[in-house]
Structure formats: structure tokens, C-alpha cells
Amino acid sequence: MNLHVKEIDRLSQSYPEVPVEAILKQDLLRLGVGFSVDSLRIATGFKPKDYFIFSFDLATLSELKDQGGHMLHAPEEIRFFGGTRKLASTVVNVRLNPKSPYQIELLEGVLSVVCEGEVLAEVSYHPVPPFYASPLESGKKISEIAPVLEWGYLIYLTVYRLCQYWGKDEECQFCDINENYRQQKQAGRDYTGVKNKLDILAALEIINRLDTEQVTQAITLTGGSITTQLNGQKEIDFYLGYARSIHDTFGDRWILKAVVEAFELSECRRLKEEGGVQIYHPNYEVWDEALFKQLCPGKERFVGYQTWMDRIVDSAEIFGPESVIPNFVGGVEMAKPYGFKTPKEAVDSTVKGLEYFMSRGILPRFTTWCPEPLSFIGKQEAPPLEYFVLLLHRYKETVNKYGIKAPPGYGKPGLGQAVFSVSAFMDVLDPE
């Protein structure tokens, strides 16, 4: 048995309340995964990576091309299941890394996830949605304008693919949104910086018409921060324009979520009342104040740590605490050279934030940090797996302490049901 599998088994025994599926999912997210040529050649008709906002890769596009280029056609998500451990079906976001110990291979006609020679589970890819083949009048593809994630549950609208936090003194140090835009354009890909409202409405009309089983249930509206103006508009007016158009056209067909700035109360009211936004995500990224200032210098400069946290709490007055769901980047608390040295120190700090919000009825969620090489702190190893398992343990413990239900707009919680693919927080919550 190899060291990675041994560590998974050790942590599974140490934290029996964290399913082994969640542990494996977190390891795939932090270390990435590679694909053999045959594993991509044999499986046709699957949904490829759309690079919907960040790269979410541990290698650049040029590095992937140098490896033969086949991984440039990898799927957005995989679902692993079965194997000798009889694993429950689990959805995982694909983070490409040719050097990962985890590889997707075709073995005797079966797609499998293999760790250094040991077969762990079977794998399937998300099939192409029926509406992806429909062209827009503008010539854009639906996958470019309104890609779907979470096994089809979520339509992800990154309407502004850049961020006006510019350079090392402003950009979040773990974020590669601006560099990812540049590498996509340099690679010659169709990668729209500011999406046209008419394209979005046309794409949503097609999705609404062809998604007869209503697999798509939610929309995330997001993009980079706007510190001055974009198209003559401040951030609230820019994003509100898209929200209003979507809600006016489609009503409550989808749960409408907005991942935007920590706005003032009056701006939050506009999002909800004028734009029909139901769920508000003012992402705080990291709880520790000193790390926030180091890792999120733009947010500190333009808003400030305490103001950001206060606005999260205040926004519950408008949206209701259950519909305020701020994100933190799980693992970035251990980023070198600023972060905590041990998993326990890092998780203890993060849990202080969980206590602060959950005691007020607000449930944060987290995405898994993988060091993207084009970000300022991307050239380092991922945090140890024990950090993520301890975090899941303490996260669920805190959820149970305050009796908070699974968040709306994320699909079903629980092992074998969760579709949120960039962390295992939904996998460890109790099914409803």
C-alpha cells in the first residue's frame, strides 16, 4: 500500500465521523489529478473544463500542452464510486496536475482512479448537457457564456472575468483570475472578458427550453471586484443590471445567487428587491485578521477586515441569515510564508470564524485551496491532508452545535448525494 492511501486510511480511523469518500475527495482537490491519453480518448461526449472563473489547476496551460496536450480536453468534474472500499458516488472538481499521484486510467475498459498503481475506484465523467450544442446568434458557445457545474445543478455566470484589484499590492495572493484570463487569451481560446447581457439571456432561454428535466436549479452571478467603474457603472450597478435582467425574464425559474463585494446594507437591499437575488455570498476568504491583510490586500485597502465581517452579519437583515453564505478558502491559512505552521493551529483559527458566524445563524462554506502556479503564492505545496480532514470534523461539529441546516442553493447534502464539487463540506452534512 502506498503512502497516500495509508494516510487516507489512517485519517479515516482517526476521524471515523468523516467519510473516507470525503477524505479522498479532499486529497484529489488539494493534489490534483492527471489523465492518461486512453482515458480521454475512449470517453466521448463528456463535458470538458470551461475554466469558468479561475484555472483551478496545478499546472499552466502551456505546461499541460508540453505534456502532450491531451489533458487540455479533460472533463470539468469526475464522479468516483465503488472499488474495493465500495465507495459511495462522489462528485469532484478536476484540478489538472500531470505530476499528481492520482491518475485517471482506462483499465480493461473501465475508467478508474489510480494512486501510484493502486486502483481506488471506478470513475465516470459528466455528460455534455443537451443544450451545449445550441449556438447563440452572436456565434458564442453556451459553454463559454453560461457553463454548468456541480453535475449540471449550477449555471455559473462569471460576467466579468477580470478583477480590478491589480498587481501584488491588491490582488488576493492565492487568486489567479487575472492571470488565468491572460493565459486563456494567449492560448487563443474564446474567453469573453465582459459578457453581453443579450448573450446571457439567449443562453438561459435555450437552457430553460431544453433542460426539460430541470437539472439546472441555481445560477451563480459573479465576477471580479470593481473598484472604480466598469462600462460607466459601479460594482453594485454593474452586477445588479445582470440580476435584474435575469429575474425580470425568468422569474424564479432558478435560485439566483450573487458572489460579489461585501456591500453596504442599502446596496444589499437593492440586490434583493430590484435584482431578485436570493442568496448572497460576500466571501471573506480567511478568518485571521493578520492573514486577511496579507492575503487579501485589495479587500483590506478598499473595504477593510472589520468592515467586511460586519457587513456579512448586517446583510442577514436583508437576505435572512440562512441565505447569507460567505466563502472561505480552506487551506490558505497555512500558505507560506504567512500562515499557520500546523493543521491544528490553522483549524483552530478558522473555527473561531465558524463560531462567530454560525452563532448568528450564518453558515459559511469553503472551497479547497490548490496552489495555482500563476497566483502570487502558487509555487508551493498544498496543505497536508490532515488539515482538511480536521476542518471537516470541526465544521460538522460546529454545524451540529448550532443546529444549522444545509444551505439553500447547493442541492442535496449528504454522502452519495452532494454535487458541490470544490470541497467536501456538503458531503459530510447529514442528509435531509
Protein backbone atom coordinates (compact mmCIF):
# COMPACT_ATOMS: atom_id res chain seq x y z
CA MET A 1 0.00 0.00 0.00
CA ASN A 2 1.40 3.43 -0.95
CA LEU A 3 1.89 6.36 1.42
CA HIS A 4 -1.08 8.36 0.14
CA VAL A 5 -3.53 5.51 0.64
CA LYS A 6 -2.01 4.74 4.04
CA GLU A 7 -2.59 8.34 5.09
CA ILE A 8 -6.20 8.21 3.91
CA ASP A 9 -6.78 5.04 5.94
CA ARG A 10 -5.02 6.49 8.99
CA LEU A 11 -7.13 9.63 8.93
CA SER A 12 -10.29 7.62 8.32
CA GLN A 13 -9.57 5.66 11.51
CA SER A 14 -8.67 8.80 13.47
CA TYR A 15 -11.79 10.68 12.32
CA PRO A 16 -14.45 7.99 11.83
CA GLU A 17 -17.22 10.59 11.51
CA VAL A 18 -15.59 11.91 8.30
CA PRO A 19 -16.44 9.52 5.45
CA VAL A 20 -13.50 8.06 3.57
CA GLU A 21 -15.10 9.40 0.38
CA ALA A 22 -14.78 12.95 1.72
CA ILE A 23 -11.14 12.34 2.62
CA LEU A 24 -10.31 11.03 -0.86
CA LYS A 25 -12.23 13.93 -2.41
CA GLN A 26 -10.17 16.45 -0.46
CA ASP A 27 -6.94 14.74 -1.46
CA LEU A 28 -7.91 14.85 -5.13
CA LEU A 29 -8.75 18.54 -4.78
CA ARG A 30 -5.52 19.51 -3.00
CA LEU A 31 -3.14 17.43 -5.17
CA GLY A 32 -4.98 17.48 -8.48
CA VAL A 33 -5.30 14.62 -10.92
CA GLY A 34 -3.82 13.51 -14.23
CA PHE A 35 -5.38 11.65 -17.14
CA SER A 36 -3.95 9.03 -19.45
CA VAL A 37 -4.39 9.51 -23.19
CA ASP A 38 -6.66 6.47 -23.38
CA SER A 39 -8.86 7.66 -20.51
CA LEU A 40 -9.80 10.73 -22.57
CA ARG A 41 -9.85 9.08 -25.98
CA ILE A 42 -12.28 6.35 -25.01
CA ALA A 43 -14.81 8.57 -23.25
CA THR A 44 -16.59 10.74 -25.79
CA GLY A 45 -19.47 13.10 -25.15
CA PHE A 46 -18.37 14.39 -21.76
CA LYS A 47 -18.35 17.99 -20.59
CA PRO A 48 -14.81 19.46 -20.73
CA LYS A 49 -13.35 22.08 -18.42
CA ASP A 50 -14.79 25.51 -19.20
CA TYR A 51 -12.37 27.47 -16.97
CA PHE A 52 -15.40 29.30 -15.64
CA ILE A 53 -13.51 31.78 -13.42
CA PHE A 54 -10.10 30.60 -12.12
CA SER A 55 -7.79 27.97 -13.57
CA PHE A 56 -8.30 25.58 -10.63
CA ASP A 57 -5.23 23.73 -11.95
CA LEU A 58 -1.82 22.95 -10.52
CA ALA A 59 -0.23 23.41 -13.94
CA THR A 60 -0.45 26.17 -16.54
CA LEU A 61 -1.98 25.67 -19.98
CA SER A 62 1.48 25.83 -21.53
CA GLU A 63 2.75 23.15 -19.15
CA LEU A 64 -0.23 20.94 -19.99
CA LYS A 65 0.44 21.45 -23.69
CA ASP A 66 4.07 20.44 -23.18
CA GLN A 67 2.83 17.20 -21.61
CA GLY A 68 1.25 16.24 -24.92
CA GLY A 69 -1.85 18.42 -24.79
CA HIS A 70 -4.39 15.67 -24.21
CA MET A 71 -5.23 16.99 -20.74
CA LEU A 72 -6.39 20.25 -22.28
CA HIS A 73 -9.53 18.24 -23.11
CA ALA A 74 -10.11 16.86 -19.60
CA PRO A 75 -13.57 16.86 -18.01
CA GLU A 76 -14.82 19.56 -15.65
CA GLU A 77 -15.76 17.03 -12.99
CA ILE A 78 -15.50 13.34 -12.27
CA ARG A 79 -17.63 11.07 -10.17
CA PHE A 80 -15.84 8.23 -8.37
CA PHE A 81 -17.61 5.21 -6.88
CA GLY A 82 -17.25 1.54 -5.98
CA GLY A 83 -13.85 -0.11 -5.83
CA THR A 84 -12.67 -2.46 -3.09
CA ARG A 85 -13.88 0.03 -0.48
CA LYS A 86 -17.35 0.19 -2.10
CA LEU A 87 -17.22 3.97 -2.13
CA ALA A 88 -20.41 5.99 -2.43
CA SER A 89 -20.79 8.08 -5.57
CA THR A 90 -18.83 11.32 -5.06
CA VAL A 91 -18.52 14.36 -7.38
CA VAL A 92 -15.12 16.10 -7.60
CA ASN A 93 -13.91 19.16 -9.46
CA VAL A 94 -10.98 18.34 -11.77
CA ARG A 95 -7.74 20.18 -10.94
CA LEU A 96 -5.20 19.16 -13.53
CA ASN A 97 -1.76 18.10 -12.38
CA PRO A 98 0.29 15.75 -14.59
CA LYS A 99 2.58 15.03 -11.62
CA SER A 100 -0.20 14.07 -9.21
CA PRO A 101 -0.08 10.63 -7.57
CA TYR A 102 -3.71 10.33 -8.65
CA GLN A 103 -4.28 9.42 -12.29
CA ILE A 104 -7.41 8.55 -14.26
CA GLU A 105 -6.66 5.49 -16.36
CA LEU A 106 -8.54 3.10 -18.62
CA LEU A 107 -8.11 -0.42 -17.20
CA GLU A 108 -9.72 -3.28 -19.09
CA GLY A 109 -12.29 -0.88 -20.50
CA VAL A 110 -13.14 0.68 -17.13
CA LEU A 111 -12.30 4.27 -16.20
CA SER A 112 -10.56 4.17 -12.83
CA VAL A 113 -8.81 6.47 -10.38
CA VAL A 114 -5.40 5.01 -9.59
CA CYS A 115 -2.96 6.13 -6.92
CA GLU A 116 0.60 5.03 -7.60
CA GLY A 117 -0.51 1.72 -9.05
CA GLU A 118 -3.37 1.02 -6.64
CA VAL A 119 -6.88 1.11 -8.11
CA LEU A 120 -9.17 3.02 -5.74
CA ALA A 121 -12.49 3.39 -7.56
CA GLU A 122 -14.34 3.48 -10.84
CA VAL A 123 -14.90 6.85 -12.49
CA SER A 124 -17.49 8.46 -14.74
CA TYR A 125 -17.48 11.84 -16.48
CA HIS A 126 -20.27 14.39 -16.56
CA PRO A 127 -22.04 14.01 -19.92
CA VAL A 128 -22.44 17.02 -22.18
CA PRO A 129 -25.72 18.79 -21.33
CA PRO A 130 -28.33 18.65 -24.14
CA PHE A 131 -28.27 22.44 -24.60
CA TYR A 132 -24.48 22.78 -25.08
CA ALA A 133 -24.77 22.06 -28.81
CA SER A 134 -27.10 25.00 -29.46
CA PRO A 135 -25.26 28.02 -30.89
CA LEU A 136 -26.10 31.59 -29.96
CA GLU A 137 -26.85 34.19 -32.62
CA SER A 138 -23.66 36.03 -31.63
CA GLY A 139 -21.61 32.96 -32.53
CA LYS A 140 -20.65 32.33 -28.91
CA LYS A 141 -21.00 28.88 -27.39
CA ILE A 142 -23.28 28.29 -24.42
CA SER A 143 -20.33 26.68 -22.64
CA GLU A 144 -18.48 29.99 -22.92
CA ILE A 145 -21.38 32.18 -21.78
CA ALA A 146 -23.31 30.03 -19.29
CA PRO A 147 -21.36 26.89 -18.33
CA VAL A 148 -22.83 24.37 -15.91
CA LEU A 149 -21.13 22.83 -12.89
CA GLU A 150 -21.97 20.53 -9.99
CA TRP A 151 -23.09 17.75 -12.32
CA GLY A 152 -25.49 20.13 -14.04
CA TYR A 153 -27.11 21.65 -10.93
CA LEU A 154 -25.49 25.10 -11.21
CA ILE A 155 -25.22 27.60 -14.07
CA TYR A 156 -22.12 29.70 -13.44
CA LEU A 157 -22.19 33.22 -14.85
CA THR A 158 -18.82 34.93 -14.50
CA VAL A 159 -19.93 38.10 -16.24
CA TYR A 160 -16.62 39.91 -15.61
CA ARG A 161 -13.58 37.64 -15.94
CA LEU A 162 -11.06 40.10 -14.59
CA CYS A 163 -10.63 41.86 -11.26
CA GLN A 164 -9.76 45.49 -10.59
CA TYR A 165 -7.63 44.53 -7.64
CA TRP A 166 -4.46 44.88 -9.75
CA GLY A 167 -0.99 43.56 -9.02
CA LYS A 168 0.70 42.13 -5.95
CA ASP A 169 -0.31 45.03 -3.71
CA GLU A 170 -4.04 44.50 -4.35
CA GLU A 171 -4.83 41.05 -5.79
CA CYS A 172 -5.74 38.25 -3.42
CA GLN A 173 -2.44 36.39 -3.23
CA PHE A 174 -3.98 32.95 -3.84
CA CYS A 175 -6.17 34.04 -6.77
CA ASP A 176 -5.27 33.70 -10.46
CA ILE A 177 -8.36 35.28 -12.06
CA ASN A 178 -6.38 37.95 -13.93
CA GLU A 179 -3.53 35.64 -14.93
CA ASN A 180 -5.94 32.91 -15.96
CA TYR A 181 -7.68 35.39 -18.28
CA ARG A 182 -4.33 36.26 -19.82
CA GLN A 183 -3.28 32.63 -20.34
CA GLN A 184 -6.65 31.74 -21.88
CA LYS A 185 -6.33 34.62 -24.37
CA GLN A 186 -2.68 33.79 -25.11
CA ALA A 187 -3.72 30.21 -25.87
CA GLY A 188 -6.15 31.55 -28.48
CA ARG A 189 -9.27 30.50 -26.65
CA ASP A 190 -12.61 32.25 -26.89
CA TYR A 191 -12.66 33.78 -23.43
CA THR A 192 -15.01 36.72 -23.02
CA GLY A 193 -13.87 39.38 -20.55
CA VAL A 194 -17.23 41.14 -20.10
CA LYS A 195 -20.23 39.07 -21.09
CA ASN A 196 -23.08 40.58 -23.07
CA LYS A 197 -26.46 40.56 -21.31
CA LEU A 198 -28.23 39.55 -24.51
CA ASP A 199 -25.91 36.54 -24.89
CA ILE A 200 -26.66 35.51 -21.32
CA LEU A 201 -30.40 35.83 -21.72
CA ALA A 202 -30.28 33.92 -25.01
CA ALA A 203 -28.24 31.14 -23.39
CA LEU A 204 -30.61 30.92 -20.44
CA GLU A 205 -33.62 30.81 -22.77
CA ILE A 206 -32.13 27.79 -24.56
CA ILE A 207 -31.23 26.10 -21.27
CA ASN A 208 -34.71 26.71 -19.91
CA ARG A 209 -36.29 25.27 -23.07
CA LEU A 210 -34.07 22.20 -23.48
CA ASP A 211 -33.49 21.32 -19.82
CA THR A 212 -36.84 19.58 -19.68
CA GLU A 213 -35.97 17.66 -16.50
CA GLN A 214 -34.86 20.90 -14.82
CA VAL A 215 -31.49 19.53 -13.77
CA THR A 216 -30.25 23.11 -13.55
CA GLN A 217 -31.58 24.56 -10.32
CA ALA A 218 -29.41 27.56 -9.46
CA ILE A 219 -27.43 30.39 -11.03
CA THR A 220 -24.29 31.95 -9.60
CA LEU A 221 -23.76 35.53 -10.77
CA THR A 222 -20.21 36.71 -10.15
CA GLY A 223 -17.01 38.24 -11.45
CA GLY A 224 -14.06 40.27 -10.29
CA SER A 225 -14.21 43.27 -7.97
CA ILE A 226 -14.84 46.69 -9.49
CA THR A 227 -13.01 49.36 -7.52
CA THR A 228 -13.77 52.29 -9.83
CA GLN A 229 -16.20 51.74 -12.70
CA LEU A 230 -16.83 49.23 -15.48
CA ASN A 231 -18.82 50.31 -18.52
CA GLY A 232 -19.58 53.52 -16.62
CA GLN A 233 -21.04 51.64 -13.63
CA LYS A 234 -20.02 51.00 -10.05
CA GLU A 235 -19.91 47.37 -8.90
CA ILE A 236 -23.42 47.29 -7.43
CA ASP A 237 -24.98 48.73 -10.59
CA PHE A 238 -22.93 46.52 -12.92
CA TYR A 239 -23.93 43.24 -11.30
CA LEU A 240 -27.44 44.40 -10.44
CA GLY A 241 -28.07 45.02 -14.14
CA TYR A 242 -27.48 41.34 -14.93
CA ALA A 243 -29.50 40.13 -11.95
CA ARG A 244 -32.45 42.36 -12.84
CA SER A 245 -32.45 41.18 -16.47
CA ILE A 246 -32.37 37.53 -15.45
CA HIS A 247 -35.08 37.88 -12.82
CA ASP A 248 -37.34 40.03 -14.99
CA THR A 249 -37.11 37.47 -17.81
CA PHE A 250 -37.24 34.16 -15.95
CA GLY A 251 -38.70 34.97 -12.55
CA ASP A 252 -37.91 32.27 -10.00
CA ARG A 253 -37.02 29.53 -12.50
CA TRP A 254 -33.59 29.34 -10.86
CA ILE A 255 -32.29 30.18 -7.41
CA LEU A 256 -30.28 33.32 -8.06
CA LYS A 257 -27.03 33.66 -6.09
CA ALA A 258 -24.57 36.56 -6.18
CA VAL A 259 -20.87 36.30 -5.30
CA VAL A 260 -19.88 39.95 -5.04
CA GLU A 261 -18.45 42.62 -2.72
CA ALA A 262 -19.38 42.93 0.95
CA PHE A 263 -21.86 45.69 0.19
CA GLU A 264 -23.44 48.28 2.43
CA LEU A 265 -26.94 47.49 3.66
CA SER A 266 -28.65 49.78 1.14
CA GLU A 267 -26.84 48.02 -1.72
CA CYS A 268 -27.81 44.60 -0.36
CA ARG A 269 -31.41 45.73 -0.32
CA ARG A 270 -31.15 46.70 -3.99
CA LEU A 271 -29.70 43.28 -4.90
CA LYS A 272 -32.63 41.52 -3.29
CA GLU A 273 -35.53 43.84 -4.08
CA GLU A 274 -34.50 45.09 -7.53
CA GLY A 275 -32.45 42.12 -8.74
CA GLY A 276 -34.30 39.19 -7.21
CA VAL A 277 -31.06 37.83 -5.68
CA GLN A 278 -31.97 35.18 -3.14
CA ILE A 279 -28.56 34.12 -1.83
CA TYR A 280 -25.68 36.46 -1.02
CA HIS A 281 -22.02 35.38 -0.95
CA PRO A 282 -19.72 38.12 0.41
CA ASN A 283 -16.65 35.89 0.59
CA TYR A 284 -14.24 36.65 3.42
CA GLU A 285 -11.54 34.17 2.26
CA VAL A 286 -9.70 33.77 5.60
CA TRP A 287 -10.75 34.49 9.19
CA ASP A 288 -7.48 35.56 10.83
CA GLU A 289 -7.19 39.34 10.61
CA ALA A 290 -3.43 39.44 10.05
CA LEU A 291 -3.70 36.81 7.29
CA PHE A 292 -6.62 38.67 5.71
CA LYS A 293 -4.45 41.77 5.43
CA GLN A 294 -1.54 39.78 3.96
CA LEU A 295 -3.52 37.57 1.61
CA CYS A 296 -6.31 39.96 0.59
CA PRO A 297 -4.60 43.36 0.37
CA GLY A 298 -7.17 44.78 -2.05
CA LYS A 299 -10.11 43.86 0.16
CA GLU A 300 -8.27 45.34 3.13
CA ARG A 301 -7.47 48.56 1.26
CA PHE A 302 -10.89 49.21 -0.26
CA VAL A 303 -13.17 47.78 2.46
CA GLY A 304 -11.16 46.65 5.49
CA TYR A 305 -11.26 43.48 7.58
CA GLN A 306 -13.68 44.55 10.29
CA THR A 307 -16.00 46.34 7.91
CA TRP A 308 -16.12 43.24 5.68
CA MET A 309 -17.06 40.98 8.61
CA ASP A 310 -19.60 43.48 9.94
CA ARG A 311 -21.26 43.76 6.55
CA ILE A 312 -21.62 39.98 6.31
CA VAL A 313 -23.53 39.94 9.58
CA ASP A 314 -25.56 43.04 8.73
CA SER A 315 -26.63 41.57 5.37
CA ALA A 316 -28.63 38.89 7.20
CA GLU A 317 -31.14 41.64 7.97
CA ILE A 318 -31.92 41.79 4.23
CA PHE A 319 -31.48 38.23 3.00
CA GLY A 320 -32.08 36.26 6.19
CA PRO A 321 -29.16 34.53 7.93
CA GLU A 322 -29.76 31.21 6.14
CA SER A 323 -29.29 32.94 2.77
CA VAL A 324 -26.02 34.68 3.62
CA ILE A 325 -23.32 32.13 2.76
CA PRO A 326 -19.81 33.62 2.81
CA ASN A 327 -16.95 31.51 1.48
CA PHE A 328 -13.50 30.96 2.90
CA VAL A 329 -10.60 29.32 1.08
CA GLY A 330 -9.86 26.18 3.05
CA GLY A 331 -6.13 25.64 3.46
CA VAL A 332 -4.90 29.12 2.63
CA GLU A 333 -4.44 29.69 6.39
CA MET A 334 -1.33 27.52 6.03
CA ALA A 335 0.09 29.34 3.00
CA LYS A 336 3.77 30.15 3.28
CA PRO A 337 5.33 32.41 4.39
CA TYR A 338 2.45 33.99 6.33
CA GLY A 339 0.32 31.10 7.52
CA PHE A 340 -0.01 28.81 10.49
CA LYS A 341 2.54 26.03 10.83
CA THR A 342 0.32 23.16 11.95
CA PRO A 343 -3.14 21.91 10.92
CA LYS A 344 -4.43 22.33 14.47
CA GLU A 345 -3.38 25.98 14.68
CA ALA A 346 -4.92 26.71 11.29
CA VAL A 347 -8.21 24.94 12.01
CA ASP A 348 -8.47 26.46 15.50
CA SER A 349 -8.29 29.89 13.90
CA THR A 350 -10.84 29.04 11.20
CA VAL A 351 -13.27 27.61 13.74
CA LYS A 352 -13.29 30.97 15.54
CA GLY A 353 -14.79 32.38 12.36
CA LEU A 354 -17.25 29.50 12.10
CA GLU A 355 -18.35 30.12 15.68
CA TYR A 356 -18.72 33.83 15.02
CA PHE A 357 -20.98 33.34 12.01
CA MET A 358 -22.86 30.18 12.94
CA SER A 359 -23.79 31.61 16.35
CA ARG A 360 -25.62 34.26 14.30
CA GLY A 361 -27.33 31.71 12.06
CA ILE A 362 -24.94 32.29 9.12
CA LEU A 363 -23.36 29.19 7.57
CA PRO A 364 -20.03 29.78 5.81
CA ARG A 365 -18.92 27.27 3.20
CA PHE A 366 -15.44 26.63 1.87
CA THR A 367 -13.64 25.90 -1.35
CA THR A 368 -10.41 23.91 -1.31
CA TRP A 369 -7.24 25.87 -1.95
CA CYS A 370 -4.95 24.35 -4.54
CA PRO A 371 -1.84 26.44 -5.23
CA GLU A 372 -2.41 27.73 -8.76
CA PRO A 373 1.05 28.40 -10.26
CA LEU A 374 0.04 31.75 -11.78
CA SER A 375 -1.06 33.19 -8.43
CA PHE A 376 1.43 35.07 -6.25
CA ILE A 377 1.71 32.24 -3.69
CA GLY A 378 1.09 29.40 -6.11
CA LYS A 379 4.52 27.85 -6.25
CA GLN A 380 4.30 25.82 -3.05
CA GLU A 381 2.92 22.52 -1.86
CA ALA A 382 -0.69 22.17 -0.80
CA PRO A 383 -1.52 21.96 2.92
CA PRO A 384 -1.40 18.47 4.42
CA LEU A 385 -4.46 16.26 4.06
CA GLU A 386 -4.85 16.18 7.84
CA TYR A 387 -5.74 19.88 7.80
CA PHE A 388 -8.76 19.24 5.55
CA VAL A 389 -9.97 16.21 7.50
CA LEU A 390 -9.68 18.07 10.79
CA LEU A 391 -11.50 21.02 9.21
CA LEU A 392 -14.37 18.80 8.05
CA HIS A 393 -14.56 17.25 11.53
CA ARG A 394 -14.70 20.63 13.28
CA TYR A 395 -17.00 22.10 10.62
CA LYS A 396 -19.65 19.43 11.10
CA GLU A 397 -19.20 19.62 14.86
CA THR A 398 -19.94 23.36 14.79
CA VAL A 399 -22.90 22.92 12.43
CA ASN A 400 -24.41 20.39 14.85
CA LYS A 401 -23.69 22.62 17.84
CA TYR A 402 -25.82 25.41 16.41
CA GLY A 403 -28.39 23.19 14.70
CA ILE A 404 -27.90 24.81 11.30
CA LYS A 405 -29.42 23.15 8.25
CA ALA A 406 -27.67 22.62 4.92
CA PRO A 407 -27.56 25.81 2.86
CA PRO A 408 -30.12 26.54 0.13
CA GLY A 409 -28.90 26.64 -3.46
CA TYR A 410 -26.43 23.75 -3.17
CA GLY A 411 -28.51 20.70 -3.90
CA LYS A 412 -28.94 17.78 -1.56
CA PRO A 413 -26.47 17.30 1.32
CA GLY A 414 -25.02 14.01 2.41
CA LEU A 415 -22.78 11.23 1.23
CA GLY A 416 -23.68 9.95 -2.23
CA GLN A 417 -25.97 12.92 -2.87
CA ALA A 418 -23.84 16.07 -2.70
CA VAL A 419 -22.88 17.71 -6.01
CA PHE A 420 -20.85 20.67 -4.70
CA SER A 421 -17.51 19.71 -6.21
CA VAL A 422 -14.81 22.05 -4.86
CA SER A 423 -14.87 20.85 -1.25
CA ALA A 424 -16.47 18.07 0.76
CA PHE A 425 -18.44 20.30 3.12
CA MET A 426 -21.78 19.19 1.63
CA ASP A 427 -20.71 15.54 1.62
CA VAL A 428 -20.22 15.47 5.40
CA LEU A 429 -23.51 17.18 6.30
CA ASP A 430 -26.38 14.96 7.30
CA PRO A 431 -28.83 14.10 4.51
CA GLU A 432 -32.23 15.73 4.71
